[in-house]
Protein backbone atom coordinates (compact mmCIF):
# COMPACT_ATOMS: atom_id res chain seq x y z
CA MET A 1 -10.70 -14.20 3.23
CA ILE A 2 -8.31 -12.02 1.12
CA ILE A 3 -5.22 -10.87 2.88
CA PRO A 4 -3.26 -7.97 1.58
CA ILE A 5 0.21 -8.90 0.94
CA HIS A 6 3.12 -6.47 1.60
CA GLU A 7 4.89 -5.22 -1.62
CA ASN A 8 8.52 -4.41 -0.93
CA ILE A 9 9.13 -1.55 -3.63
CA SER A 10 12.34 -0.81 -4.86
CA ILE A 11 12.36 2.69 -6.42
CA ASN A 12 15.63 2.24 -8.59
CA ASN A 13 19.30 2.01 -7.94
CA ASN A 14 19.80 5.72 -7.12
CA ASN A 15 16.85 5.90 -4.69
CA PHE A 16 15.09 8.28 -6.95
CA PRO A 17 11.73 8.87 -4.84
CA VAL A 18 9.19 8.60 -7.84
CA ARG A 19 8.41 5.40 -9.77
CA ILE A 20 6.28 5.61 -13.06
CA LYS A 21 5.15 2.33 -14.97
CA GLU A 22 2.73 2.33 -17.91
CA ASN A 23 0.26 -0.35 -18.11
CA ASN A 24 -1.82 -1.42 -21.09
CA ASN A 25 -4.90 -3.89 -20.53
CA ASN A 26 -7.95 -5.20 -22.14
CA SER A 27 -11.09 -6.49 -20.49
CA ASN A 28 -9.75 -9.98 -20.28
CA ALA A 29 -6.70 -8.97 -18.14
CA ARG A 30 -6.32 -10.01 -14.61
CA GLY A 31 -5.77 -7.56 -11.98
CA CYS A 32 -2.92 -7.31 -9.50
CA GLN A 33 -3.02 -9.01 -6.14
CA PHE A 34 -4.50 -7.21 -3.17
CA HIS A 35 -1.44 -5.59 -1.63
CA TRP A 36 0.04 -2.68 0.28
CA HIS A 37 3.15 -0.62 0.40
CA GLU A 38 4.61 2.63 2.10
CA MET A 39 4.29 4.51 -1.16
CA LEU A 40 1.67 7.17 -2.23
CA GLU A 41 0.21 5.62 -5.28
CA PHE A 42 -1.87 7.26 -8.32
CA TYR A 43 -3.67 5.57 -11.00
CA VAL A 44 -3.42 7.99 -14.06
CA VAL A 45 -5.90 6.87 -16.67
CA TYR A 46 -5.14 7.91 -20.31
CA SER A 47 -7.79 5.79 -21.98
CA GLY A 48 -10.41 3.12 -21.12
CA GLY A 49 -11.08 2.36 -17.71
CA VAL A 50 -9.68 0.73 -14.51
CA LYS A 51 -11.87 -0.57 -11.63
CA LEU A 52 -9.87 0.22 -8.28
CA HIS A 53 -10.66 -1.55 -5.03
CA CYS A 54 -9.24 0.31 -2.03
CA ASN A 55 -10.00 -0.20 1.70
CA GLY A 56 -13.47 -1.66 1.04
CA ARG A 57 -14.44 0.76 -1.66
CA TYR A 58 -14.61 0.29 -5.45
CA GLU A 59 -14.42 3.05 -7.99
CA TRP A 60 -14.21 3.11 -11.75
CA LEU A 61 -11.81 5.23 -13.18
CA TYR A 62 -12.02 6.56 -16.71
CA LYS A 63 -10.14 8.68 -19.14
CA ASP A 64 -8.56 11.61 -17.23
CA ASP A 65 -9.51 10.43 -13.97
CA ILE A 66 -6.98 9.85 -11.22
CA GLY A 67 -7.20 7.31 -8.50
CA PHE A 68 -5.46 8.01 -5.13
CA VAL A 69 -4.05 5.18 -2.81
CA ASN A 70 -2.81 6.61 0.46
CA TRP A 71 0.16 5.32 2.37
CA CYS A 72 -0.24 1.53 3.56
CA GLU A 73 -3.80 1.42 2.24
CA PRO A 74 -4.69 -2.28 0.91
CA HIS A 75 -5.76 -2.02 -2.79
CA ARG A 76 -5.77 -3.33 -6.26
CA GLY A 77 -6.62 -2.53 -9.88
CA MET A 78 -9.20 -5.25 -10.44
CA GLU A 79 -10.91 -4.81 -13.70
CA PHE A 80 -10.27 -3.17 -17.11
CA LEU A 81 -12.10 -1.90 -20.20
CA ASP A 82 -10.64 -2.66 -23.63
CA ASN A 83 -7.90 -0.46 -24.79
CA THR A 84 -6.98 0.90 -21.47
CA LYS A 85 -3.70 2.63 -20.82
CA HIS A 86 -2.90 3.92 -17.49
CA TYR A 87 0.24 4.77 -15.50
CA ILE A 88 1.04 3.81 -11.91
CA VAL A 89 2.78 6.69 -10.14
CA GLN A 90 4.26 6.03 -6.90
CA PHE A 91 5.82 8.72 -4.56
CA ASP A 92 8.28 7.77 -1.64
CA LEU A 93 7.44 10.48 0.69
CA GLY A 94 10.89 9.95 2.75
CA GLY A 95 12.97 10.15 -0.45
CA LEU A 96 11.41 13.37 -1.47
CA LEU A 97 12.81 14.92 1.62
CA ASN A 98 16.61 15.37 1.98
CA GLU A 99 18.82 16.36 4.92
CA THR A 100 18.30 20.10 4.38
CA ALA A 101 14.62 19.82 4.45
CA THR A 102 12.79 22.20 6.80
CA PHE A 103 10.22 21.27 9.40
CA ASP A 104 7.47 22.87 7.45
CA GLU A 105 8.40 20.86 4.34
CA GLU A 106 8.27 17.68 6.32
CA LYS A 107 5.12 18.54 7.88
CA TYR A 108 3.40 19.24 4.64
CA LEU A 109 4.70 15.99 2.87
CA PHE A 110 3.49 13.72 5.74
CA SER A 111 0.11 15.62 6.35
CA ILE A 112 -1.17 14.33 3.13
CA ILE A 113 -1.40 10.75 4.86
CA ASN A 114 -4.35 12.32 7.08
CA SER A 115 -5.65 14.86 4.39
CA GLY A 116 -8.91 13.15 3.44
CA ILE A 117 -8.27 13.01 -0.27
CA ASP A 118 -10.86 11.09 -1.82
CA LEU A 119 -10.06 7.63 -3.67
CA LYS A 120 -11.28 9.06 -7.05
CA ILE A 121 -10.08 12.40 -8.33
CA SER A 122 -12.43 13.07 -11.38
CA GLN A 123 -11.69 15.11 -14.41
CA ASP A 124 -9.07 17.67 -12.58
CA LYS A 125 -7.53 19.17 -15.62
CA GLU A 126 -4.96 21.14 -13.86
CA LEU A 127 -3.78 18.12 -11.90
CA MET A 128 -3.89 15.66 -14.89
CA ASP A 129 -1.72 17.88 -17.12
CA ILE A 130 0.96 18.21 -14.41
CA PHE A 131 0.72 14.21 -14.38
CA LYS A 132 1.22 14.11 -18.01
CA SER A 133 4.13 16.55 -18.01
CA MET A 134 5.75 14.58 -15.13
CA ILE A 135 5.27 11.25 -17.08
CA SER A 136 6.60 12.89 -20.22
CA GLN A 137 9.68 13.86 -18.43
CA PHE A 138 10.29 10.69 -16.80
CA GLU A 139 10.04 8.60 -20.07
CA ASN A 140 12.18 10.88 -22.24
CA LYS A 141 14.93 11.11 -19.50
CA ASN A 142 16.45 14.03 -20.93
CA ILE A 143 19.17 15.76 -19.10
CA GLY A 144 17.96 17.05 -15.74
CA TYR A 145 14.80 15.13 -15.83
CA GLU A 146 15.21 14.09 -12.31
CA LEU A 147 14.73 17.65 -11.03
CA SER A 148 11.81 18.29 -13.07
CA VAL A 149 10.02 14.97 -11.98
CA LYS A 150 10.83 15.71 -8.45
CA GLY A 151 9.40 19.28 -8.81
CA TYR A 152 6.40 18.02 -10.50
CA SER A 153 5.71 15.47 -7.63
CA LEU A 154 5.98 18.24 -4.92
CA ILE A 155 3.40 20.39 -7.07
CA ILE A 156 1.11 17.52 -7.01
CA ILE A 157 1.24 17.11 -3.29
CA SER A 158 0.76 20.82 -2.89
CA LEU A 159 -2.36 20.70 -5.11
CA LEU A 160 -3.85 17.78 -3.16
CA LEU A 161 -3.38 19.41 -0.04
CA GLN A 162 -5.12 22.56 -1.19
CA ARG A 163 -8.04 20.66 -2.76
CA ALA A 164 -8.48 18.57 0.61
CA ASN A 165 -8.28 21.85 2.62
CA LYS A 166 -11.31 23.28 0.79
CA THR A 167 -13.35 19.90 1.31
CA TYR A 168 -12.07 18.41 4.46
CA ASP A 169 -14.90 17.95 7.03
CA SER A 170 -13.64 18.11 10.77
CA LYS A 171 -16.27 15.45 11.38
CA ASN A 172 -13.74 12.92 9.60
CA ILE A 173 -10.85 13.62 12.04
CA LEU A 174 -11.60 10.67 14.53
CA GLU A 175 -12.02 8.49 11.50
CA ASN A 176 -8.56 9.64 9.98
CA GLN A 177 -7.00 9.08 13.52
CA SER A 178 -8.43 5.41 13.49
CA LEU A 179 -7.11 4.79 9.87
CA GLN A 180 -3.54 6.20 11.12
CA TYR A 181 -3.73 3.66 13.97
CA MET A 182 -4.37 0.87 11.51
CA LYS A 183 -1.55 2.05 9.22
CA GLU A 184 0.96 2.05 12.14
CA THR A 185 -0.35 -1.40 13.14
CA LEU A 186 0.28 -2.92 9.83
CA MET A 187 3.56 -1.42 9.52
CA TYR A 188 4.60 -2.92 13.06
CA ILE A 189 3.27 -6.37 12.19
CA HIS A 190 5.17 -6.41 8.81
CA ARG A 191 8.50 -5.11 10.47
CA ASN A 192 8.18 -7.67 13.29
CA LEU A 193 6.59 -10.76 11.67
CA ASP A 194 9.61 -12.84 12.49
CA LYS A 195 9.23 -11.94 16.28
CA LYS A 196 6.71 -12.46 18.90
CA ILE A 197 3.93 -9.96 18.24
CA CYS A 198 2.00 -8.92 21.29
CA VAL A 199 -1.27 -6.90 20.75
CA ASN A 200 -0.56 -4.90 24.22
CA ASP A 201 2.89 -3.78 22.78
CA ILE A 202 1.31 -2.52 19.72
CA ALA A 203 -1.41 -0.62 21.71
CA LYS A 204 1.21 0.98 24.16
CA LYS A 205 3.23 2.04 21.04
CA LEU A 206 0.10 3.79 19.67
CA HIS A 207 -0.86 5.15 23.16
CA ILE A 208 -4.36 3.53 23.06
CA THR A 209 -5.93 0.58 25.13
CA GLN A 210 -5.64 -2.81 23.84
CA GLU A 211 -9.36 -3.14 23.71
CA HIS A 212 -9.74 -0.03 21.63
CA LEU A 213 -6.90 -1.37 19.11
CA THR A 214 -8.76 -4.84 18.84
CA ARG A 215 -12.16 -3.13 18.08
CA LEU A 216 -10.68 -0.79 15.26
CA PHE A 217 -8.74 -3.89 13.79
CA LYS A 218 -11.72 -6.06 13.62
CA LYS A 219 -13.81 -2.92 12.31
CA TYR A 220 -11.42 -2.52 9.47
CA THR A 221 -10.24 -5.97 8.53
CA GLY A 222 -13.16 -8.18 9.69
CA GLU A 223 -10.66 -10.44 11.77
CA THR A 224 -8.63 -10.52 14.99
CA ILE A 225 -4.83 -9.28 14.89
CA LEU A 226 -3.71 -12.83 15.70
CA SER A 227 -5.81 -14.27 12.78
CA TYR A 228 -4.31 -11.46 10.58
CA VAL A 229 -0.82 -12.43 11.79
CA ASN A 230 -1.22 -15.97 11.37
CA THR A 231 -2.52 -15.91 7.91
CA LEU A 232 0.23 -13.29 6.77
CA ARG A 233 2.81 -15.62 8.28
CA CYS A 234 1.46 -18.77 6.46
CA THR A 235 1.17 -16.75 3.14
CA ARG A 236 4.70 -15.71 3.50
CA ALA A 237 5.72 -19.25 4.52
CA ILE A 238 4.61 -20.35 1.18
CA THR A 239 7.19 -18.51 -0.74
CA TYR A 240 9.93 -19.83 1.40
CA LEU A 241 8.70 -23.43 1.03
CA GLU A 242 8.59 -23.06 -2.59
CA ASN A 243 12.21 -21.56 -2.66
CA GLY A 244 13.37 -25.01 -1.20
CA GLN A 245 13.88 -24.16 2.49
CA SER A 246 13.17 -26.77 5.15
CA VAL A 247 9.82 -26.66 7.02
CA MET A 248 11.77 -26.13 10.31
CA GLU A 249 13.63 -23.11 8.89
CA VAL A 250 10.53 -21.58 7.52
CA ALA A 251 8.77 -21.83 10.86
CA SER A 252 11.66 -19.82 12.31
CA ILE A 253 11.72 -17.23 9.50
CA VAL A 254 8.15 -16.44 9.68
CA GLY A 255 7.95 -16.19 13.60
CA TYR A 256 7.11 -19.55 14.98
CA ASP A 257 9.24 -20.91 17.92
CA ASP A 258 7.17 -23.98 17.92
CA TYR A 259 7.17 -26.19 14.87
CA ASN A 260 4.24 -28.22 15.82
CA TYR A 261 1.99 -25.09 16.52
CA PHE A 262 3.24 -23.48 13.14
CA SER A 263 2.09 -26.92 11.33
CA ARG A 264 -1.21 -26.91 12.92
CA ILE A 265 -1.75 -23.12 12.09
CA PHE A 266 -0.50 -23.62 8.50
CA LYS A 267 -2.93 -26.70 7.82
CA LYS A 268 -5.83 -24.80 9.42
CA ILE A 269 -5.25 -21.71 6.86
CA ILE A 270 -3.68 -23.36 3.82
CA GLY A 271 -5.69 -26.52 3.94
CA LYS A 272 -2.62 -29.01 4.23
CA SER A 273 0.40 -29.41 6.31
CA PRO A 274 3.59 -27.43 5.46
CA ARG A 275 5.28 -30.59 4.82
CA THR A 276 2.72 -31.89 2.52
CA TYR A 277 2.50 -28.45 0.65
CA LYS A 278 6.51 -28.71 0.21
CA ASN A 279 6.51 -32.26 -1.05
CA LYS A 280 3.90 -31.32 -3.69
CA GLU A 281 6.28 -28.93 -5.20
């Protein structure tokens, strides 16, 4: 079982809401870990090809293709062709808003989460040209580049919403609502991982039944919420153990009041007790 890890993204020191990173890979390169975060993410391919895995789907992106990863969707770039150059572009939706943002601006920005935009955007010249202009401004960092980059990001979101509005199928509404429930559940689990997590509390927060939430989670992840939480906690515990913290401390940090229970769960998932794992370091 591959569990997506949460990536805590720091945009930069002045909270600029766009992050852009150039990547150059060949066919022998290893992809990134399966992960998720609270950003909109785009794979902008300049040459070669990237195989993108997102929410159970796999798509090859080639020159001038754009991959779209929605807010909180588990994903990874997993394979590459030789001489691949692509940019990872990330938008912080909250950061794109300011204190003077109107209700309509907020509504449009966050509606992209449920817009039904496809994982692969093929050969969209208008959109690709805007991405390239934005990336150029970001890399050159001339005076006022922040205004240009933020402006381009809003244009990109606007164009994506217009594209989605032309192709959006009303039959997808229930499916998109289910995905929203999943995203909010993942966020809740991550933010409360060090506390007691009750499935019924999550269901009440989402205004759905516990049974419905359990079925949805099993459908999208293939496992129960308890199994997911335990695996996530044990995965996180490894980081703390490797950083030298005691087993008792780690148990508490990742949300277990009972050390013996933590030890049993850790051994079941990781294959050895936390004390044995720590001593091997």
